[in-house]
Amino acid sequence: MESWLLHLEETIRNAVYLCSMEAILAYEERQRKQTRAMVVPDIELVSKMMLAAEGFIDACLLARKFITL
């Protein structure tokens, strides 16, 4: 009786593993098919916000100067 239960437990474990692997593979396939957009960050805006957060009054002017360096 124990060997039958062990065999059943192993069969169930293998079935769950196979179903999990199929789900993971299907998810990876969907991820590969999706198109992704990449955006270049606005460095001037980022530097303007950082300078303004640090308390610089002329953050806009300084940000433009940093960009041109």
Protein backbone atom coordinates (compact mmCIF):
# COMPACT_ATOMS: atom_id res chain seq x y z
CA MET A 1 0.00 0.00 0.00
CA GLU A 2 2.82 2.41 0.80
CA SER A 3 4.52 1.88 -2.55
CA TRP A 4 1.25 2.70 -4.32
CA LEU A 5 0.92 5.95 -2.36
CA LEU A 6 4.53 6.85 -3.02
CA HIS A 7 4.03 6.19 -6.73
CA LEU A 8 0.84 8.32 -6.72
CA GLU A 9 2.61 11.12 -4.85
CA GLU A 10 5.50 11.04 -7.33
CA THR A 11 3.09 11.04 -10.28
CA ILE A 12 1.22 14.04 -8.89
CA ARG A 13 4.48 15.88 -8.20
CA ASN A 14 5.63 15.25 -11.80
CA ALA A 15 2.27 16.38 -13.20
CA VAL A 16 2.41 19.61 -11.19
CA TYR A 17 5.99 20.18 -12.32
CA LEU A 18 5.06 19.66 -15.99
CA CYS A 19 2.06 21.99 -15.72
CA SER A 20 4.22 24.62 -14.02
CA MET A 21 6.90 24.33 -16.68
CA GLU A 22 4.30 24.65 -19.45
CA ALA A 23 2.90 27.78 -17.82
CA ILE A 24 6.37 29.29 -17.44
CA LEU A 25 7.27 28.52 -21.05
CA ALA A 26 4.00 29.98 -22.30
CA TYR A 27 4.61 33.14 -20.25
CA GLU A 28 8.14 33.49 -21.62
CA GLU A 29 6.84 33.03 -25.17
CA ARG A 30 4.26 35.81 -24.66
CA GLN A 31 6.97 38.06 -23.25
CA ARG A 32 9.17 37.51 -26.31
CA LYS A 33 6.33 38.40 -28.69
CA GLN A 34 5.44 41.68 -26.98
CA THR A 35 6.93 44.83 -28.41
CA ARG A 36 8.65 47.19 -26.04
CA ALA A 37 9.28 50.87 -26.38
CA MET A 38 12.42 52.47 -25.04
CA VAL A 39 12.45 56.15 -24.20
CA VAL A 40 15.53 58.33 -23.92
CA PRO A 41 15.33 60.28 -20.65
CA ASP A 42 15.14 64.06 -20.81
CA ILE A 43 18.48 64.85 -19.16
CA GLU A 44 17.75 68.57 -19.01
CA LEU A 45 14.50 68.01 -17.12
CA VAL A 46 16.11 65.51 -14.76
CA SER A 47 19.02 67.83 -13.97
CA LYS A 48 16.64 70.78 -13.59
CA MET A 49 14.58 68.86 -11.01
CA MET A 50 17.69 67.70 -9.14
CA LEU A 51 19.12 71.22 -9.00
CA ALA A 52 15.77 72.67 -7.91
CA ALA A 53 15.50 70.03 -5.19
CA GLU A 54 18.93 71.04 -3.91
CA GLY A 55 17.77 74.64 -3.67
CA PHE A 56 19.34 76.25 -6.71
CA ILE A 57 17.31 79.29 -7.76
CA ASP A 58 18.55 79.31 -11.37
CA ALA A 59 17.99 75.60 -11.89
CA CYS A 60 16.82 76.05 -15.51
CA LEU A 61 19.89 77.99 -16.55
CA LEU A 62 22.27 75.66 -14.71
CA ALA A 63 20.61 72.57 -16.20
CA ARG A 64 21.16 73.90 -19.73
CA LYS A 65 24.79 74.61 -18.90
CA PHE A 66 25.29 71.08 -17.57
CA ILE A 67 23.80 69.64 -20.76
CA THR A 68 26.14 71.60 -23.00
CA LEU A 69 29.25 70.51 -21.08
